[in-house]
Amino acid sequence: MKPRYRRGSDAADEPDNTAMTAQPIIHVPHVRVDVAPDGALAVTVDGAPLTPPEALSPLRRDTFGALADHLTTALNGPIRVEVCEADGSTFTDILTPPRRRSRFAPPEPAFPQQASAPAAAVPALLEVSADGFVPGEDVALAVIVAHSDAGPTGHGRALLQRHLLELAPTREVLLLGRISGTLSVHHPDRDRP
């Protein structure tokens, strides 16, 4: 069995590394932005003057963000940006392209909501619980919006404004006797004579 590693080095046994030294050079485009005193921008990419797309013309300080996004996307990679201000100060940074949407991400809405539109409110939930029900029994939930008195014969009657019934998804009305415990369930839209 041959040893796995050699203890000594023999120049004749060394692999030829000349092919490995011919690695491709990674080029990061150099974007120079000269800012005039009035805020106008003069931009060069690797020394060549940039003709801006019409959507960004004229190039001004307030279009710099959109210009940087355009260049990183158009050049398909990071860029080295050197900003030379009118007062002589210089700022340098590496900017990367905006993140691409995953093809598995949900599609963007065709008509994005305006910034002034309020966000959908998350409903505040309340828990109501009680004991004494039969296991598995259907338990209805009712919000009391009005009270009425039973007549001298024990007949209960209530008048309800229609808009309150339209707020109830089940369209049911409950009459509940607070003392007798009598419960009567009605569907006013179906129970009409």
C-alpha atoms as a PDB file:
ATOM      1  CA  MET A   1       0.000   0.000   0.000  1.00  0.00           C
ATOM      2  CA  LYS A   2       1.384   3.412  -0.984  1.00  0.00           C
ATOM      3  CA  PRO A   3       1.523   6.217   1.558  1.00  0.00           C
ATOM      4  CA  ARG A   4      -1.168   8.807   1.112  1.00  0.00           C
ATOM      5  CA  TYR A   5       1.087  11.807   1.565  1.00  0.00           C
ATOM      6  CA  ARG A   6       4.709  12.326   0.611  1.00  0.00           C
ATOM      7  CA  ARG A   7       7.184  13.488   3.146  1.00  0.00           C
ATOM      8  CA  GLY A   8       9.605  15.163   0.829  1.00  0.00           C
ATOM      9  CA  SER A   9       9.111  17.285  -2.226  1.00  0.00           C
ATOM     10  CA  ASP A  10      10.513  16.457  -5.558  1.00  0.00           C
ATOM     11  CA  ALA A  11      10.350  19.227  -8.179  1.00  0.00           C
ATOM     12  CA  ALA A  12       9.706  16.666 -10.908  1.00  0.00           C
ATOM     13  CA  ASP A  13       6.582  15.462  -9.128  1.00  0.00           C
ATOM     14  CA  GLU A  14       5.109  18.966  -8.605  1.00  0.00           C
ATOM     15  CA  PRO A  15       2.097  19.843 -10.793  1.00  0.00           C
ATOM     16  CA  ASP A  16       2.406  22.684 -13.291  1.00  0.00           C
ATOM     17  CA  ASN A  17       0.701  25.749 -11.713  1.00  0.00           C
ATOM     18  CA  THR A  18       1.096  28.059 -14.706  1.00  0.00           C
ATOM     19  CA  ALA A  19      -2.438  27.284 -15.883  1.00  0.00           C
ATOM     20  CA  MET A  20      -3.850  28.280 -12.479  1.00  0.00           C
ATOM     21  CA  THR A  21      -2.217  31.710 -12.536  1.00  0.00           C
ATOM     22  CA  ALA A  22      -4.193  32.698 -15.640  1.00  0.00           C
ATOM     23  CA  GLN A  23      -7.324  33.470 -13.563  1.00  0.00           C
ATOM     24  CA  PRO A  24      -9.801  35.915 -15.093  1.00  0.00           C
ATOM     25  CA  ILE A  25      -9.553  39.398 -13.640  1.00  0.00           C
ATOM     26  CA  ILE A  26     -12.753  40.617 -12.038  1.00  0.00           C
ATOM     27  CA  HIS A  27     -13.607  44.097 -13.244  1.00  0.00           C
ATOM     28  CA  VAL A  28     -15.707  46.417 -11.088  1.00  0.00           C
ATOM     29  CA  PRO A  29     -16.799  49.425 -13.160  1.00  0.00           C
ATOM     30  CA  HIS A  30     -15.639  52.796 -11.843  1.00  0.00           C
ATOM     31  CA  VAL A  31     -18.363  55.428 -11.837  1.00  0.00           C
ATOM     32  CA  ARG A  32     -17.248  58.985 -11.201  1.00  0.00           C
ATOM     33  CA  VAL A  33     -19.899  61.546 -10.324  1.00  0.00           C
ATOM     34  CA  ASP A  34     -18.894  65.206 -10.357  1.00  0.00           C
ATOM     35  CA  VAL A  35     -21.423  67.422  -8.568  1.00  0.00           C
ATOM     36  CA  ALA A  36     -21.673  71.031  -9.792  1.00  0.00           C
ATOM     37  CA  PRO A  37     -22.548  73.853  -7.341  1.00  0.00           C
ATOM     38  CA  ASP A  38     -26.110  73.966  -8.761  1.00  0.00           C
ATOM     39  CA  GLY A  39     -26.608  70.206  -8.101  1.00  0.00           C
ATOM     40  CA  ALA A  40     -26.145  69.022 -11.694  1.00  0.00           C
ATOM     41  CA  LEU A  41     -24.238  65.746 -12.128  1.00  0.00           C
ATOM     42  CA  ALA A  42     -21.571  64.862 -14.686  1.00  0.00           C
ATOM     43  CA  VAL A  43     -21.134  61.077 -14.749  1.00  0.00           C
ATOM     44  CA  THR A  44     -18.463  58.894 -16.339  1.00  0.00           C
ATOM     45  CA  VAL A  45     -18.272  55.090 -16.380  1.00  0.00           C
ATOM     46  CA  ASP A  46     -14.699  53.802 -16.668  1.00  0.00           C
ATOM     47  CA  GLY A  47     -13.706  57.246 -18.020  1.00  0.00           C
ATOM     48  CA  ALA A  48     -16.399  57.394 -20.735  1.00  0.00           C
ATOM     49  CA  PRO A  49     -19.147  60.039 -20.352  1.00  0.00           C
ATOM     50  CA  LEU A  50     -22.553  58.558 -19.515  1.00  0.00           C
ATOM     51  CA  THR A  51     -25.585  59.493 -21.558  1.00  0.00           C
ATOM     52  CA  PRO A  52     -28.425  59.106 -19.040  1.00  0.00           C
ATOM     53  CA  PRO A  53     -31.710  57.416 -19.936  1.00  0.00           C
ATOM     54  CA  GLU A  54     -34.518  59.867 -20.636  1.00  0.00           C
ATOM     55  CA  ALA A  55     -36.313  58.953 -17.424  1.00  0.00           C
ATOM     56  CA  LEU A  56     -33.324  60.229 -15.437  1.00  0.00           C
ATOM     57  CA  SER A  57     -32.569  63.357 -17.485  1.00  0.00           C
ATOM     58  CA  PRO A  58     -31.399  65.825 -16.458  1.00  0.00           C
ATOM     59  CA  LEU A  59     -29.030  64.259 -13.955  1.00  0.00           C
ATOM     60  CA  ARG A  60     -29.330  66.088 -10.658  1.00  0.00           C
ATOM     61  CA  ARG A  61     -28.503  65.308  -7.054  1.00  0.00           C
ATOM     62  CA  ASP A  62     -32.064  64.043  -6.414  1.00  0.00           C
ATOM     63  CA  THR A  63     -31.790  61.474  -9.255  1.00  0.00           C
ATOM     64  CA  PHE A  64     -28.605  59.899  -7.883  1.00  0.00           C
ATOM     65  CA  GLY A  65     -30.393  56.936  -6.213  1.00  0.00           C
ATOM     66  CA  ALA A  66     -32.282  56.043  -9.377  1.00  0.00           C
ATOM     67  CA  LEU A  67     -29.073  56.473 -11.401  1.00  0.00           C
ATOM     68  CA  ALA A  68     -27.172  54.098  -9.078  1.00  0.00           C
ATOM     69  CA  ASP A  69     -29.970  51.480  -9.375  1.00  0.00           C
ATOM     70  CA  HIS A  70     -29.968  51.901 -13.170  1.00  0.00           C
ATOM     71  CA  LEU A  71     -26.189  51.450 -13.440  1.00  0.00           C
ATOM     72  CA  THR A  72     -25.951  48.406 -11.137  1.00  0.00           C
ATOM     73  CA  THR A  73     -28.820  46.762 -13.011  1.00  0.00           C
ATOM     74  CA  ALA A  74     -27.509  47.685 -16.492  1.00  0.00           C
ATOM     75  CA  LEU A  75     -23.958  46.604 -15.653  1.00  0.00           C
ATOM     76  CA  ASN A  76     -25.306  43.489 -13.906  1.00  0.00           C
ATOM     77  CA  GLY A  77     -23.095  43.752 -10.869  1.00  0.00           C
ATOM     78  CA  PRO A  78     -21.525  45.976  -8.253  1.00  0.00           C
ATOM     79  CA  ILE A  79     -20.007  49.328  -9.146  1.00  0.00           C
ATOM     80  CA  ARG A  80     -17.351  51.494  -7.476  1.00  0.00           C
ATOM     81  CA  VAL A  81     -18.774  54.985  -7.132  1.00  0.00           C
ATOM     82  CA  GLU A  82     -16.666  58.058  -6.514  1.00  0.00           C
ATOM     83  CA  VAL A  83     -18.664  61.220  -5.801  1.00  0.00           C
ATOM     84  CA  CYS A  84     -16.697  64.478  -6.088  1.00  0.00           C
ATOM     85  CA  GLU A  85     -18.551  67.382  -4.505  1.00  0.00           C
ATOM     86  CA  ALA A  86     -18.223  70.993  -5.659  1.00  0.00           C
ATOM     87  CA  ASP A  87     -16.403  71.900  -2.415  1.00  0.00           C
ATOM     88  CA  GLY A  88     -13.635  69.379  -3.213  1.00  0.00           C
ATOM     89  CA  SER A  89     -14.707  66.597  -0.828  1.00  0.00           C
ATOM     90  CA  THR A  90     -14.810  63.059  -2.238  1.00  0.00           C
ATOM     91  CA  PHE A  91     -16.840  60.037  -1.194  1.00  0.00           C
ATOM     92  CA  THR A  92     -16.227  56.506  -2.429  1.00  0.00           C
ATOM     93  CA  ASP A  93     -18.399  53.412  -2.036  1.00  0.00           C
ATOM     94  CA  ILE A  94     -19.205  50.065  -3.644  1.00  0.00           C
ATOM     95  CA  LEU A  95     -22.864  49.783  -4.633  1.00  0.00           C
ATOM     96  CA  THR A  96     -24.547  46.467  -5.368  1.00  0.00           C
ATOM     97  CA  PRO A  97     -27.579  45.819  -7.576  1.00  0.00           C
ATOM     98  CA  PRO A  98     -31.031  45.816  -5.999  1.00  0.00           C
ATOM     99  CA  ARG A  99     -32.173  42.365  -4.924  1.00  0.00           C
ATOM    100  CA  ARG A 100     -33.969  40.408  -7.604  1.00  0.00           C
ATOM    101  CA  ARG A 101     -37.389  39.031  -6.812  1.00  0.00           C
ATOM    102  CA  SER A 102     -37.517  35.298  -6.438  1.00  0.00           C
ATOM    103  CA  ARG A 103     -39.566  33.585  -9.094  1.00  0.00           C
ATOM    104  CA  PHE A 104     -41.402  31.951  -6.196  1.00  0.00           C
ATOM    105  CA  ALA A 105     -42.344  35.283  -4.603  1.00  0.00           C
ATOM    106  CA  PRO A 106     -45.973  36.354  -4.891  1.00  0.00           C
ATOM    107  CA  PRO A 107     -46.567  38.704  -7.825  1.00  0.00           C
ATOM    108  CA  GLU A 108     -46.539  42.415  -7.200  1.00  0.00           C
ATOM    109  CA  PRO A 109     -49.952  44.073  -7.394  1.00  0.00           C
ATOM    110  CA  ALA A 110     -50.804  45.572 -10.794  1.00  0.00           C
ATOM    111  CA  PHE A 111     -51.874  48.802  -9.105  1.00  0.00           C
ATOM    112  CA  PRO A 112     -49.770  49.406  -5.987  1.00  0.00           C
ATOM    113  CA  GLN A 113     -51.554  51.096  -3.110  1.00  0.00           C
ATOM    114  CA  GLN A 114     -50.902  54.781  -2.766  1.00  0.00           C
ATOM    115  CA  ALA A 115     -48.827  55.863   0.205  1.00  0.00           C
ATOM    116  CA  SER A 116     -51.754  57.926   1.518  1.00  0.00           C
ATOM    117  CA  ALA A 117     -54.061  54.900   1.707  1.00  0.00           C
ATOM    118  CA  PRO A 118     -54.350  53.649   5.299  1.00  0.00           C
ATOM    119  CA  ALA A 119     -53.147  50.135   5.981  1.00  0.00           C
ATOM    120  CA  ALA A 120     -55.825  47.529   6.638  1.00  0.00           C
ATOM    121  CA  ALA A 121     -56.522  47.463  10.359  1.00  0.00           C
ATOM    122  CA  VAL A 122     -55.909  44.208  12.148  1.00  0.00           C
ATOM    123  CA  PRO A 123     -59.086  43.368  14.082  1.00  0.00           C
ATOM    124  CA  ALA A 124     -58.817  43.350  17.848  1.00  0.00           C
ATOM    125  CA  LEU A 125     -60.193  40.068  19.147  1.00  0.00           C
ATOM    126  CA  LEU A 126     -61.955  39.442  22.451  1.00  0.00           C
ATOM    127  CA  GLU A 127     -62.436  36.034  24.062  1.00  0.00           C
ATOM    128  CA  VAL A 128     -65.785  35.123  25.621  1.00  0.00           C
ATOM    129  CA  SER A 129     -66.092  31.753  27.376  1.00  0.00           C
ATOM    130  CA  ALA A 130     -68.422  29.876  29.705  1.00  0.00           C
ATOM    131  CA  ASP A 131     -68.969  26.374  31.094  1.00  0.00           C
ATOM    132  CA  GLY A 132     -72.095  24.200  31.121  1.00  0.00           C
ATOM    133  CA  PHE A 133     -72.482  23.376  27.430  1.00  0.00           C
ATOM    134  CA  VAL A 134     -72.960  19.865  26.090  1.00  0.00           C
ATOM    135  CA  PRO A 135     -69.659  18.575  24.604  1.00  0.00           C
ATOM    136  CA  GLY A 136     -69.621  19.257  20.857  1.00  0.00           C
ATOM    137  CA  GLU A 137     -72.650  21.563  21.073  1.00  0.00           C
ATOM    138  CA  ASP A 138     -72.904  24.417  18.553  1.00  0.00           C
ATOM    139  CA  VAL A 139     -72.528  27.603  20.590  1.00  0.00           C
ATOM    140  CA  ALA A 140     -73.838  30.790  18.974  1.00  0.00           C
ATOM    141  CA  LEU A 141     -72.356  34.188  19.672  1.00  0.00           C
ATOM    142  CA  ALA A 142     -74.643  37.198  19.838  1.00  0.00           C
ATOM    143  CA  VAL A 143     -73.866  40.817  20.520  1.00  0.00           C
ATOM    144  CA  ILE A 144     -76.750  42.539  22.270  1.00  0.00           C
ATOM    145  CA  VAL A 145     -77.642  45.778  20.546  1.00  0.00           C
ATOM    146  CA  ALA A 146     -81.004  46.483  22.233  1.00  0.00           C
ATOM    147  CA  HIS A 147     -83.391  45.368  24.980  1.00  0.00           C
ATOM    148  CA  SER A 148     -87.174  44.978  24.963  1.00  0.00           C
ATOM    149  CA  ASP A 149     -89.732  43.949  27.583  1.00  0.00           C
ATOM    150  CA  ALA A 150     -92.089  40.990  27.304  1.00  0.00           C
ATOM    151  CA  GLY A 151     -95.803  41.816  27.310  1.00  0.00           C
ATOM    152  CA  PRO A 152     -98.286  40.818  30.067  1.00  0.00           C
ATOM    153  CA  THR A 153     -98.873  37.454  28.324  1.00  0.00           C
ATOM    154  CA  GLY A 154     -95.140  36.632  28.176  1.00  0.00           C
ATOM    155  CA  HIS A 155     -94.853  37.400  24.453  1.00  0.00           C
ATOM    156  CA  GLY A 156     -91.487  38.960  23.543  1.00  0.00           C
ATOM    157  CA  ARG A 157     -91.205  41.387  20.655  1.00  0.00           C
ATOM    158  CA  ALA A 158     -88.361  43.592  19.444  1.00  0.00           C
ATOM    159  CA  LEU A 159     -87.932  46.103  16.650  1.00  0.00           C
ATOM    160  CA  LEU A 160     -84.548  46.078  14.995  1.00  0.00           C
ATOM    161  CA  GLN A 161     -83.125  48.558  12.533  1.00  0.00           C
ATOM    162  CA  ARG A 162     -82.343  46.746   9.251  1.00  0.00           C
ATOM    163  CA  HIS A 163     -78.756  48.053   9.048  1.00  0.00           C
ATOM    164  CA  LEU A 164     -77.968  46.208  12.307  1.00  0.00           C
ATOM    165  CA  LEU A 165     -79.151  42.929  10.764  1.00  0.00           C
ATOM    166  CA  GLU A 166     -76.945  43.568   7.711  1.00  0.00           C
ATOM    167  CA  LEU A 167     -73.912  43.757  10.014  1.00  0.00           C
ATOM    168  CA  ALA A 168     -74.516  40.167  11.208  1.00  0.00           C
ATOM    169  CA  PRO A 169     -72.955  37.607   8.835  1.00  0.00           C
ATOM    170  CA  THR A 170     -75.450  34.879   9.885  1.00  0.00           C
ATOM    171  CA  ARG A 171     -78.478  37.218   9.671  1.00  0.00           C
ATOM    172  CA  GLU A 172     -79.847  35.688  12.879  1.00  0.00           C
ATOM    173  CA  VAL A 173     -81.623  37.461  15.745  1.00  0.00           C
ATOM    174  CA  LEU A 174     -81.773  35.962  19.242  1.00  0.00           C
ATOM    175  CA  LEU A 175     -84.390  36.748  21.841  1.00  0.00           C
ATOM    176  CA  LEU A 176     -83.116  35.731  25.288  1.00  0.00           C
ATOM    177  CA  GLY A 177     -85.147  35.927  28.474  1.00  0.00           C
ATOM    178  CA  ARG A 178     -82.802  37.094  31.207  1.00  0.00           C
ATOM    179  CA  ILE A 179     -84.888  35.531  33.993  1.00  0.00           C
ATOM    180  CA  SER A 180     -86.634  32.597  32.293  1.00  0.00           C
ATOM    181  CA  GLY A 181     -83.659  31.590  30.161  1.00  0.00           C
ATOM    182  CA  THR A 182     -85.993  31.267  27.165  1.00  0.00           C
ATOM    183  CA  LEU A 183     -84.086  31.455  23.929  1.00  0.00           C
ATOM    184  CA  SER A 184     -85.670  32.071  20.548  1.00  0.00           C
ATOM    185  CA  VAL A 185     -83.626  32.138  17.321  1.00  0.00           C
ATOM    186  CA  HIS A 186     -85.060  33.993  14.296  1.00  0.00           C
ATOM    187  CA  HIS A 187     -84.032  34.606  10.688  1.00  0.00           C
ATOM    188  CA  PRO A 188     -86.008  37.762   9.804  1.00  0.00           C
ATOM    189  CA  ASP A 189     -85.258  37.473   6.070  1.00  0.00           C
ATOM    190  CA  ARG A 190     -86.595  33.870   5.954  1.00  0.00           C
ATOM    191  CA  ASP A 191     -89.261  33.991   8.693  1.00  0.00           C
ATOM    192  CA  ARG A 192     -91.505  36.577   6.993  1.00  0.00           C
ATOM    193  CA  PRO A 193     -95.146  35.536   6.762  1.00  0.00           C
END
